[in-house]
């Protein structure tokens, strides 16, 4: 089932097109398949029911959580741990409303922004609270902004008093000044602690020190970055590492960019190949799902994954760090059980098959296909258990946009736990819409992954991707509409065939910064007002 239909035609690529595709590592067959997917539209999943506490989501008592955190800490000396952080996102959306005011798209009178009564909603309300935050010293970047204004013969205090809002935003956002609108979000100072401005980069490094010191007391952190920002990010990371001297034996920070072979074609709304101003095929980044290649390149036992903007000041970080350990301990416990089952199955131990089937039924909530003879049943069970494992934190749904945990039924009617995005759901189907309304939890992208098999070898992660999970979205290129293809999300389609566990974690561990005004929330305020 797909969101849109349409007859799929074989595309003809010129010699110039073929050379262009080859330079990006994309075969003509792959390109044709992409166009076919674009014309099919986004495929809908078949939701069976929402995952809930005691039905797909584990919920631990304080005592159980303490024991799992202790399991993780007890294993740290024997496992390699890597913190994997997608950090290529730009801060453009974070400053979308201030940029719109600066460009004239949101005409708001200056008097409204300096008045005592805030507007109720819309861009005016957003800007009112933004400038109020600047007046009250609640943004970590205000010192840098003040310094930039002083180089122009002004100051932040005087500019606010005189209502020079466009000047303030021009200094903050435009490339000839601070250029925040075009920086990666990773480089925007989010917090201030003990007189230091902290970007998300430094706060992810601090998290790694707190829970990621694996064997040999080494912290491993991997950032995926945009090529044009790699040097800026590595320079800031190198500056930040100095604060951890003496706390950890060594730091290993690595970087990768999204592979060009994962870029995707686009088509026009009418279905023809979309080309840029030079007549070349337009290739666009394939989305988070393409990062499965980057994750696959890590030589590590465990990988913790969290978005770059989901951080808090150090003084608020204890709860989040504790629950990372809980997730890690739960994964290690399940991994140990799966590894023992695999060893027993390979050794043909008496009762091994029945024990493995019981685990699949009672712990994974799945059923071995009926009608299989014993050898086929053994083969299916081995293949089903010999997979990478992920433990995903889930928070109570507070109306946030994004994916959630569901039981999904595939084309063979087999059930599995999946993280599903709203775009994958047919909301016009009454039954599917009802399942969504009954859901209780939200995916904050906070997970730990076990990447090795029971023999200590790395799983080949591409073998566990569901290539039929993809998104077709409407975008523009210099004002021209197009249909874009995004590969399976890293935490849904790209991990579709993993062994999956969901764990309820506190809502306080989810503190994303999607807009600059999110930094005004209490959890993002450090010491001395920030």
Protein backbone atom coordinates (compact mmCIF):
# COMPACT_ATOMS: atom_id res chain seq x y z
CA UNK A 1 0.00 0.00 0.00
CA UNK A 2 1.36 3.47 -0.89
CA UNK A 3 0.37 7.05 -0.27
CA UNK A 4 0.31 7.85 -3.99
CA UNK A 5 0.06 5.77 -7.10
CA UNK A 6 1.20 6.16 -10.67
CA UNK A 7 2.47 4.17 -13.60
CA UNK A 8 6.21 3.49 -13.35
CA UNK A 9 8.19 3.90 -16.58
CA UNK A 10 11.75 2.89 -17.37
CA UNK A 11 13.83 6.04 -17.28
CA UNK A 12 16.32 6.87 -20.02
CA UNK A 13 19.61 8.32 -18.85
CA UNK A 14 21.98 10.07 -21.24
CA UNK A 15 25.70 9.36 -21.33
CA UNK A 16 26.20 12.58 -19.39
CA UNK A 17 23.70 11.38 -16.77
CA UNK A 18 25.46 8.02 -16.50
CA UNK A 19 28.85 9.66 -15.96
CA UNK A 20 27.33 12.01 -13.38
CA UNK A 21 25.75 9.11 -11.48
CA UNK A 22 28.93 7.01 -11.65
CA UNK A 23 30.93 9.86 -10.13
CA UNK A 24 28.65 9.66 -7.10
CA UNK A 25 28.82 5.86 -6.87
CA UNK A 26 25.21 5.37 -8.07
CA UNK A 27 24.47 2.74 -10.70
CA UNK A 28 21.88 3.27 -13.43
CA UNK A 29 19.84 0.38 -12.00
CA UNK A 30 19.86 2.05 -8.58
CA UNK A 31 18.84 5.35 -10.16
CA UNK A 32 15.92 3.70 -11.96
CA UNK A 33 14.85 2.06 -8.72
CA UNK A 34 14.87 5.44 -6.98
CA UNK A 35 12.62 6.94 -9.65
CA UNK A 36 10.30 3.94 -9.31
CA UNK A 37 10.04 4.54 -5.55
CA UNK A 38 9.41 8.25 -6.08
CA UNK A 39 6.53 7.50 -8.41
CA UNK A 40 5.06 4.90 -6.06
CA UNK A 41 4.98 7.33 -3.17
CA UNK A 42 5.53 6.73 0.54
CA UNK A 43 4.50 3.18 1.52
CA UNK A 44 2.15 2.89 4.45
CA UNK A 45 2.88 0.47 7.28
CA UNK A 46 0.25 -1.82 8.77
CA UNK A 47 -0.09 -0.88 12.43
CA UNK A 48 -1.40 -3.70 14.59
CA UNK A 49 -1.48 -1.82 17.91
CA UNK A 50 0.56 0.74 19.82
CA UNK A 51 3.41 -0.49 21.97
CA UNK A 52 2.53 0.19 25.60
CA UNK A 53 3.91 -0.53 29.03
CA UNK A 54 3.79 -4.33 29.53
CA UNK A 55 2.99 -4.78 25.83
CA UNK A 56 6.22 -3.93 24.07
CA UNK A 57 7.53 -1.25 26.45
CA UNK A 58 9.48 -2.25 29.56
CA UNK A 59 9.03 -0.10 32.65
CA UNK A 60 11.45 -0.50 35.56
CA UNK A 61 11.02 0.22 39.25
CA UNK A 62 13.72 2.38 40.88
CA UNK A 63 15.30 -0.77 42.31
CA UNK A 64 15.32 -2.52 38.91
CA UNK A 65 16.76 0.56 37.24
CA UNK A 66 19.56 0.75 39.84
CA UNK A 67 20.43 -2.91 39.23
CA UNK A 68 20.56 -2.43 35.44
CA UNK A 69 22.77 0.65 35.79
CA UNK A 70 25.08 -1.45 37.99
CA UNK A 71 25.16 -4.21 35.33
CA UNK A 72 26.33 -1.63 32.81
CA UNK A 73 29.00 -0.20 35.10
CA UNK A 74 30.27 -3.72 35.93
CA UNK A 75 30.79 -4.46 32.23
CA UNK A 76 32.44 -1.18 31.23
CA UNK A 77 36.00 -2.44 31.53
CA UNK A 78 35.26 -5.29 29.13
CA UNK A 79 33.34 -3.53 26.34
CA UNK A 80 34.08 -0.85 23.79
CA UNK A 81 31.57 1.99 23.92
CA UNK A 82 31.08 4.67 21.27
CA UNK A 83 28.77 7.67 21.42
CA UNK A 84 27.33 8.21 17.91
CA UNK A 85 25.92 11.70 17.29
CA UNK A 86 24.33 12.85 14.01
CA UNK A 87 25.64 16.42 13.92
CA UNK A 88 25.22 17.60 10.35
CA UNK A 89 22.00 19.53 10.86
CA UNK A 90 22.14 23.28 10.23
CA UNK A 91 20.65 25.84 12.62
CA UNK A 92 18.48 27.31 9.84
CA UNK A 93 15.20 26.04 11.29
CA UNK A 94 16.28 26.97 14.79
CA UNK A 95 16.30 30.64 13.69
CA UNK A 96 13.48 30.41 11.12
CA UNK A 97 11.23 33.04 12.75
CA UNK A 98 14.00 35.61 13.45
CA UNK A 99 15.22 35.10 9.86
CA UNK A 100 11.68 35.62 8.58
CA UNK A 101 11.41 38.90 10.52
CA UNK A 102 14.77 40.05 9.17
CA UNK A 103 13.79 39.30 5.57
CA UNK A 104 10.40 41.00 5.91
CA UNK A 105 8.40 37.79 5.66
CA UNK A 106 7.05 38.41 9.18
CA UNK A 107 6.29 42.15 9.44
CA UNK A 108 6.08 42.84 13.17
CA UNK A 109 6.05 46.37 14.59
CA UNK A 110 8.98 47.16 16.87
CA UNK A 111 6.67 48.57 19.52
CA UNK A 112 5.06 45.16 19.99
CA UNK A 113 8.47 43.61 20.66
CA UNK A 114 9.33 46.07 23.41
CA UNK A 115 5.88 46.32 24.99
CA UNK A 116 4.95 44.87 28.34
CA UNK A 117 2.08 42.70 27.09
CA UNK A 118 3.23 39.79 24.92
CA UNK A 119 1.21 38.83 21.84
CA UNK A 120 -0.67 35.57 22.31
CA UNK A 121 0.73 33.59 19.38
CA UNK A 122 2.46 33.61 16.02
CA UNK A 123 5.76 35.19 14.93
CA UNK A 124 5.12 38.32 17.03
CA UNK A 125 4.86 36.25 20.21
CA UNK A 126 7.96 34.25 19.30
CA UNK A 127 9.99 37.39 18.67
CA UNK A 128 8.69 39.09 21.83
CA UNK A 129 9.91 36.17 23.96
CA UNK A 130 13.19 36.00 22.07
CA UNK A 131 14.07 39.65 22.70
CA UNK A 132 12.78 39.40 26.28
CA UNK A 133 15.21 36.51 26.75
CA UNK A 134 18.04 38.69 25.48
CA UNK A 135 17.07 41.47 27.88
CA UNK A 136 17.06 39.03 30.80
CA UNK A 137 20.41 37.46 29.89
CA UNK A 138 19.00 33.99 29.25
CA UNK A 139 20.91 33.09 26.07
CA UNK A 140 24.43 31.71 26.26
CA UNK A 141 25.47 33.51 23.07
CA UNK A 142 24.65 37.02 24.31
CA UNK A 143 28.30 37.88 25.16
CA UNK A 144 29.39 36.97 21.63
CA UNK A 145 26.48 38.99 20.24
CA UNK A 146 27.38 41.98 22.39
CA UNK A 147 31.02 41.79 21.23
CA UNK A 148 29.93 41.67 17.59
CA UNK A 149 27.70 44.70 18.07
CA UNK A 150 30.50 46.59 19.82
CA UNK A 151 32.69 46.08 16.77
CA UNK A 152 30.02 48.11 14.97
CA UNK A 153 30.14 50.87 17.57
CA UNK A 154 27.02 49.67 19.39
CA UNK A 155 26.20 47.24 22.21
CA UNK A 156 23.47 44.73 22.92
CA UNK A 157 22.06 46.74 25.81
CA UNK A 158 21.86 49.96 23.81
CA UNK A 159 20.45 48.21 20.70
CA UNK A 160 17.68 46.64 22.77
CA UNK A 161 16.88 49.93 24.50
CA UNK A 162 16.66 51.75 21.16
CA UNK A 163 14.59 48.98 19.56
CA UNK A 164 17.22 48.16 16.91
CA UNK A 165 15.86 44.67 16.43
CA UNK A 166 16.84 44.26 12.79
CA UNK A 167 20.40 45.30 13.60
CA UNK A 168 20.56 42.72 16.40
CA UNK A 169 19.28 39.94 14.17
CA UNK A 170 21.47 40.96 11.25
CA UNK A 171 24.51 40.74 13.52
CA UNK A 172 23.44 37.37 14.92
CA UNK A 173 22.35 35.65 11.72
CA UNK A 174 24.01 37.08 8.62
CA UNK A 175 27.25 35.53 7.33
CA UNK A 176 29.24 38.77 7.35
CA UNK A 177 28.77 38.89 11.13
CA UNK A 178 28.14 35.87 13.42
CA UNK A 179 26.34 33.86 10.73
CA UNK A 180 24.36 31.68 13.12
CA UNK A 181 21.63 30.91 10.56
CA UNK A 182 24.15 29.03 8.42
CA UNK A 183 26.18 27.34 11.14
CA UNK A 184 25.60 23.72 12.15
CA UNK A 185 23.44 23.49 15.26
CA UNK A 186 26.37 21.72 16.92
CA UNK A 187 28.31 25.02 17.04
CA UNK A 188 25.61 27.24 18.57
CA UNK A 189 26.26 27.94 22.29
CA UNK A 190 23.26 26.44 24.08
CA UNK A 191 24.24 26.86 27.73
CA UNK A 192 26.53 28.71 30.08
CA UNK A 193 28.14 27.12 33.13
CA UNK A 194 30.78 28.74 35.37
CA UNK A 195 31.36 31.51 32.86
CA UNK A 196 31.89 29.14 29.90
CA UNK A 197 29.72 29.00 26.80
CA UNK A 198 28.92 25.38 25.98
CA UNK A 199 27.91 24.10 22.57
CA UNK A 200 26.18 20.73 22.11
CA UNK A 201 29.55 19.33 21.01
CA UNK A 202 31.14 19.91 24.41
CA UNK A 203 28.07 18.61 26.22
CA UNK A 204 28.09 15.36 24.25
CA UNK A 205 31.77 14.98 25.12
CA UNK A 206 30.90 15.50 28.80
CA UNK A 207 28.20 12.82 28.54
CA UNK A 208 30.75 10.42 27.06
CA UNK A 209 33.01 10.97 30.07
CA UNK A 210 30.09 10.37 32.44
CA UNK A 211 28.88 7.04 31.03
CA UNK A 212 30.97 6.06 28.00
CA UNK A 213 34.41 5.24 29.40
CA UNK A 214 34.81 1.71 28.09
CA UNK A 215 37.76 -0.65 28.21
CA UNK A 216 41.17 0.96 28.79
CA UNK A 217 39.35 4.04 30.20
CA UNK A 218 38.89 5.39 26.68
CA UNK A 219 36.04 7.63 25.54
CA UNK A 220 35.01 7.18 21.94
CA UNK A 221 32.75 9.74 20.27
CA UNK A 222 31.76 9.79 16.60
CA UNK A 223 30.12 12.79 14.93
CA UNK A 224 28.53 12.67 11.49
CA UNK A 225 29.06 16.08 9.93
CA UNK A 226 28.48 18.01 6.73
CA UNK A 227 31.72 18.22 4.67
CA UNK A 228 31.73 22.02 4.70
CA UNK A 229 31.56 22.11 8.51
CA UNK A 230 34.02 19.38 9.39
CA UNK A 231 36.97 21.68 10.09
CA UNK A 232 34.89 24.11 12.18
CA UNK A 233 33.47 21.26 14.25
CA UNK A 234 36.80 19.47 14.77
CA UNK A 235 38.42 22.74 15.87
CA UNK A 236 35.70 23.34 18.46
CA UNK A 237 35.93 19.74 19.67
CA UNK A 238 39.71 20.05 20.09
CA UNK A 239 39.20 23.18 22.19
CA UNK A 240 36.61 21.40 24.32
CA UNK A 241 38.74 18.33 24.99
CA UNK A 242 41.11 20.29 27.21
CA UNK A 243 38.53 20.44 30.03
CA UNK A 244 38.59 16.63 30.37
CA UNK A 245 42.32 16.22 30.95
CA UNK A 246 42.87 14.08 34.01
CA UNK A 247 39.28 12.78 34.02
CA UNK A 248 39.81 10.07 31.42
CA UNK A 249 42.89 8.31 30.08
CA UNK A 250 42.24 9.11 26.43
CA UNK A 251 39.65 10.47 24.02
CA UNK A 252 39.10 9.12 20.52
CA UNK A 253 36.92 11.48 18.48
CA UNK A 254 36.17 10.56 14.89
CA UNK A 255 34.10 12.08 12.11
CA UNK A 256 32.35 10.91 8.98
CA UNK A 257 30.21 12.47 6.28
CA UNK A 258 27.20 10.99 4.56
CA UNK A 259 28.41 8.88 1.64
CA UNK A 260 27.57 10.45 -1.75
CA UNK A 261 26.31 7.06 -2.98
CA UNK A 262 23.40 7.46 -0.55
CA UNK A 263 22.24 10.69 -2.22
CA UNK A 264 18.91 10.45 -4.01
CA UNK A 265 17.33 11.72 -7.21
CA UNK A 266 14.26 13.93 -7.37
CA UNK A 267 11.38 14.19 -9.80
CA UNK A 268 9.04 17.01 -10.76
CA UNK A 269 5.40 16.93 -9.60
CA UNK A 270 4.60 15.66 -13.12
CA UNK A 271 7.02 12.74 -12.74
CA UNK A 272 9.96 13.76 -14.94
CA UNK A 273 13.56 13.71 -13.74
CA UNK A 274 14.39 16.91 -11.89
CA UNK A 275 17.48 18.75 -13.12
CA UNK A 276 19.40 21.72 -11.73
CA UNK A 277 20.17 24.98 -13.50
CA UNK A 278 23.11 23.37 -15.34
CA UNK A 279 21.00 20.53 -16.68
CA UNK A 280 22.49 17.94 -14.33
CA UNK A 281 20.36 15.52 -12.37
CA UNK A 282 19.61 16.93 -8.94
CA UNK A 283 20.98 14.79 -6.12
CA UNK A 284 19.91 15.45 -2.54
CA UNK A 285 21.11 13.98 0.78
CA UNK A 286 19.19 10.77 1.44
CA UNK A 287 18.25 11.59 5.04
CA UNK A 288 19.09 10.00 8.40
CA UNK A 289 18.62 6.49 7.06
CA UNK A 290 21.75 6.88 4.96
CA UNK A 291 23.76 7.09 8.19
CA UNK A 292 23.48 3.32 8.63
CA UNK A 293 26.70 3.17 6.57
CA UNK A 294 28.41 5.49 9.03
CA UNK A 295 27.21 3.43 11.99
CA UNK A 296 28.34 0.26 10.22
CA UNK A 297 31.90 1.61 10.00
CA UNK A 298 32.31 1.79 13.78
CA UNK A 299 34.47 -0.90 15.33
CA UNK A 300 32.71 -1.01 18.67
CA UNK A 301 30.64 -3.25 20.93
CA UNK A 302 28.02 -0.70 21.96
CA UNK A 303 26.92 2.52 20.28
CA UNK A 304 24.80 5.09 22.10
CA UNK A 305 22.80 7.29 19.69
CA UNK A 306 21.28 10.64 20.54
CA UNK A 307 20.51 13.74 18.47
CA UNK A 308 22.91 16.67 18.63
CA UNK A 309 20.32 19.08 20.10
CA UNK A 310 19.09 16.85 22.95
CA UNK A 311 21.38 18.13 25.70
CA UNK A 312 21.13 20.01 29.02
CA UNK A 313 23.60 22.00 31.12
CA UNK A 314 25.96 19.84 33.23
CA UNK A 315 24.06 20.57 36.45
CA UNK A 316 20.89 19.01 34.97
CA UNK A 317 22.56 16.00 33.31
CA UNK A 318 22.49 13.40 36.12
CA UNK A 319 19.08 11.91 35.28
CA UNK A 320 19.91 11.54 31.60
CA UNK A 321 23.27 9.93 32.37
CA UNK A 322 21.69 7.46 34.80
CA UNK A 323 19.16 6.32 32.23
CA UNK A 324 21.88 5.82 29.62
CA UNK A 325 23.40 3.33 32.02
CA UNK A 326 20.01 1.66 32.54
CA UNK A 327 19.53 1.25 28.78
CA UNK A 328 23.07 -0.07 28.46
CA UNK A 329 22.60 -2.55 31.29
CA UNK A 330 19.35 -3.82 29.84
CA UNK A 331 20.98 -4.32 26.44
CA UNK A 332 23.90 -6.22 27.94
CA UNK A 333 21.51 -8.47 29.86
CA UNK A 334 19.45 -9.27 26.75
CA UNK A 335 22.57 -9.66 24.62
CA UNK A 336 24.04 -12.15 27.08
CA UNK A 337 20.83 -14.19 26.91
CA UNK A 338 20.72 -14.13 23.10
CA UNK A 339 24.41 -15.04 22.80
CA UNK A 340 23.96 -18.06 25.08
CA UNK A 341 20.95 -19.20 23.07
CA UNK A 342 22.97 -18.90 19.87
CA UNK A 343 25.87 -20.89 21.31
CA UNK A 344 23.48 -23.63 22.48
CA UNK A 345 21.72 -23.72 19.11
CA UNK A 346 25.00 -24.07 17.22
CA UNK A 347 26.12 -26.81 19.60
CA UNK A 348 22.74 -28.58 19.16
CA UNK A 349 22.35 -28.68 22.93
CA UNK A 350 19.34 -30.58 24.20
CA UNK A 351 16.40 -28.21 24.69
CA UNK A 352 18.16 -25.31 22.95
CA UNK A 353 15.55 -24.89 20.24
CA UNK A 354 12.61 -24.92 22.63
CA UNK A 355 14.41 -22.41 24.90
CA UNK A 356 15.07 -20.11 21.93
CA UNK A 357 11.49 -20.34 20.71
CA UNK A 358 10.26 -19.55 24.23
CA UNK A 359 12.51 -16.47 24.31
CA UNK A 360 11.19 -15.30 20.94
CA UNK A 361 7.59 -15.82 22.08
CA UNK A 362 7.75 -14.47 25.62
CA UNK A 363 10.47 -11.81 25.47
CA UNK A 364 10.37 -10.60 21.87
CA UNK A 365 6.60 -11.06 21.59
CA UNK A 366 6.90 -12.80 18.24
CA UNK A 367 5.92 -16.21 16.88
CA UNK A 368 7.90 -18.74 14.87
CA UNK A 369 6.07 -19.36 11.55
CA UNK A 370 3.77 -22.37 11.75
CA UNK A 371 4.27 -25.51 9.72
CA UNK A 372 8.08 -25.58 9.69
CA UNK A 373 9.87 -28.89 10.05
CA UNK A 374 12.51 -29.09 12.78
CA UNK A 375 15.54 -28.23 10.59
CA UNK A 376 13.69 -25.32 8.99
CA UNK A 377 12.45 -24.23 12.42
CA UNK A 378 16.03 -24.30 13.70
CA UNK A 379 17.28 -22.32 10.72
CA UNK A 380 14.58 -19.69 11.10
CA UNK A 381 15.26 -19.35 14.83
CA UNK A 382 19.02 -18.96 14.33
CA UNK A 383 18.53 -16.34 11.61
CA UNK A 384 15.99 -14.49 13.74
CA UNK A 385 18.23 -14.26 16.82
CA UNK A 386 21.52 -13.57 15.03
CA UNK A 387 20.87 -9.84 14.57
CA UNK A 388 22.08 -6.54 15.96
CA UNK A 389 20.19 -5.43 19.08
CA UNK A 390 18.83 -2.02 19.96
CA UNK A 391 17.29 -0.75 23.17
CA UNK A 392 15.32 2.44 22.59
CA UNK A 393 14.23 4.83 25.29
CA UNK A 394 10.61 5.99 24.99
CA UNK A 395 8.96 8.91 26.74
CA UNK A 396 5.32 9.56 27.50
CA UNK A 397 3.65 11.31 24.58
CA UNK A 398 3.23 15.03 25.20
CA UNK A 399 2.04 15.94 21.71
CA UNK A 400 5.53 16.23 20.21
CA UNK A 401 5.73 15.65 16.44
CA UNK A 402 7.68 12.62 15.30
CA UNK A 403 7.76 8.85 15.49
CA UNK A 404 6.42 6.46 18.05
CA UNK A 405 6.61 2.78 19.09
CA UNK A 406 4.15 0.36 17.50
CA UNK A 407 3.58 -3.31 16.84
CA UNK A 408 3.66 -3.59 13.03
CA UNK A 409 2.45 -6.49 10.90
CA UNK A 410 4.41 -7.16 7.70
CA UNK A 411 3.28 -8.61 4.37
CA UNK A 412 3.70 -12.15 5.80
CA UNK A 413 1.52 -11.15 8.78
CA UNK A 414 4.49 -11.39 11.16
CA UNK A 415 4.58 -8.93 14.07
CA UNK A 416 7.56 -6.84 15.12
CA UNK A 417 8.26 -3.76 17.21
CA UNK A 418 9.02 -0.72 15.07
CA UNK A 419 9.48 3.03 15.40
CA UNK A 420 7.00 4.54 12.95
CA UNK A 421 6.87 8.10 11.63
CA UNK A 422 3.56 9.87 11.03
CA UNK A 423 4.23 10.02 7.26
CA UNK A 424 4.26 6.19 7.15
CA UNK A 425 0.71 5.95 8.48
CA UNK A 426 -2.50 6.08 6.45
CA UNK A 427 -4.44 8.49 8.64
CA UNK A 428 -7.46 8.20 6.32
CA UNK A 429 -7.83 4.57 7.39
CA UNK A 430 -10.11 4.63 10.44
CA UNK A 431 -8.48 1.55 11.98
CA UNK A 432 -4.95 2.92 11.59
CA UNK A 433 -5.98 6.35 12.89
CA UNK A 434 -7.51 4.69 15.96
CA UNK A 435 -4.24 2.85 16.70
CA UNK A 436 -2.40 6.17 16.56
CA UNK A 437 -4.90 7.79 18.94
CA UNK A 438 -4.36 4.94 21.40
CA UNK A 439 -0.57 5.36 21.45
CA UNK A 440 1.00 6.51 24.69
CA UNK A 441 4.71 7.03 23.93
CA UNK A 442 7.01 9.01 21.68
CA UNK A 443 10.46 8.29 20.24
CA UNK A 444 13.01 10.83 21.54
CA UNK A 445 15.91 9.17 19.63
CA UNK A 446 17.77 7.93 22.69
CA UNK A 447 19.09 4.41 22.20
CA UNK A 448 21.95 1.99 22.63
CA UNK A 449 22.91 -0.55 19.99
CA UNK A 450 24.76 -3.86 20.23
CA UNK A 451 26.69 -4.17 16.96
CA UNK A 452 28.55 -7.49 17.37
CA UNK A 453 27.30 -11.06 17.10
CA UNK A 454 27.76 -13.95 19.53
CA UNK A 455 31.15 -14.76 17.96
CA UNK A 456 32.45 -11.22 18.52
CA UNK A 457 32.19 -10.25 14.87
CA UNK A 458 30.61 -7.07 13.56
CA UNK A 459 27.14 -7.45 12.11
CA UNK A 460 26.86 -6.17 8.52
CA UNK A 461 24.18 -3.61 9.27
CA UNK A 462 23.06 -3.13 5.68
CA UNK A 463 21.76 -6.72 5.76
CA UNK A 464 19.09 -5.68 8.27
CA UNK A 465 17.67 -2.66 6.41
CA UNK A 466 14.13 -2.75 5.04
CA UNK A 467 14.60 -1.04 1.64
CA UNK A 468 10.84 -0.72 1.20
CA UNK A 469 10.65 1.77 4.08
CA UNK A 470 11.23 5.19 2.61
CA UNK A 471 9.65 8.64 2.41
CA UNK A 472 8.59 10.76 -0.55
CA UNK A 473 8.30 14.39 0.49
CA UNK A 474 7.46 17.64 -1.27
CA UNK A 475 10.38 20.09 -1.38
CA UNK A 476 11.56 23.02 -3.47
CA UNK A 477 14.81 23.85 -5.26
CA UNK A 478 15.22 27.60 -5.74
CA UNK A 479 11.46 27.92 -5.73
CA UNK A 480 10.81 24.99 -8.08
CA UNK A 481 8.65 22.22 -6.57
CA UNK A 482 9.93 18.66 -6.54
CA UNK A 483 9.37 15.25 -4.99
CA UNK A 484 12.30 14.09 -2.86
CA UNK A 485 13.26 10.59 -1.75
CA UNK A 486 14.55 9.94 1.76
CA UNK A 487 15.99 6.58 2.74
CA UNK A 488 14.68 4.57 5.68
CA UNK A 489 15.13 6.51 8.88
CA UNK A 490 18.09 5.37 10.94
CA UNK A 491 15.74 4.31 13.75
CA UNK A 492 12.90 2.87 11.66
CA UNK A 493 13.54 1.36 8.23
CA UNK A 494 17.33 1.18 8.52
CA UNK A 495 16.97 -0.84 11.76
CA UNK A 496 13.76 -2.58 10.74
CA UNK A 497 15.16 -6.11 11.10
CA UNK A 498 17.06 -5.64 14.37
CA UNK A 499 16.08 -7.22 17.68
CA UNK A 500 14.23 -4.33 19.27
CA UNK A 501 13.40 -3.47 22.87
CA UNK A 502 11.58 -0.36 24.10
CA UNK A 503 12.11 1.04 27.62
CA UNK A 504 10.17 3.85 29.26
CA UNK A 505 12.48 6.67 30.35
CA UNK A 506 11.62 9.96 32.13
CA UNK A 507 10.34 12.84 30.03
CA UNK A 508 13.01 15.02 31.67
CA UNK A 509 15.66 13.18 29.59
CA UNK A 510 14.14 14.65 26.39
CA UNK A 511 15.18 18.29 26.04
CA UNK A 512 15.51 19.04 22.30
CA UNK A 513 16.28 22.49 20.95
CA UNK A 514 14.25 22.82 17.76
CA UNK A 515 13.91 26.62 17.93
CA UNK A 516 16.09 29.20 19.64
CA UNK A 517 13.32 29.93 22.14
CA UNK A 518 13.52 26.37 23.45
CA UNK A 519 16.68 27.56 25.18
CA UNK A 520 14.47 29.72 27.42
CA UNK A 521 12.97 26.64 29.10
CA UNK A 522 14.01 26.01 32.70
CA UNK A 523 15.93 22.83 31.88
CA UNK A 524 18.22 24.81 29.57
CA UNK A 525 19.06 27.50 32.10
CA UNK A 526 22.49 26.99 33.70
CA UNK A 527 24.04 28.89 36.56
CA UNK A 528 23.76 32.66 37.00
CA UNK A 529 20.57 32.80 34.94
CA UNK A 530 21.85 30.49 32.20
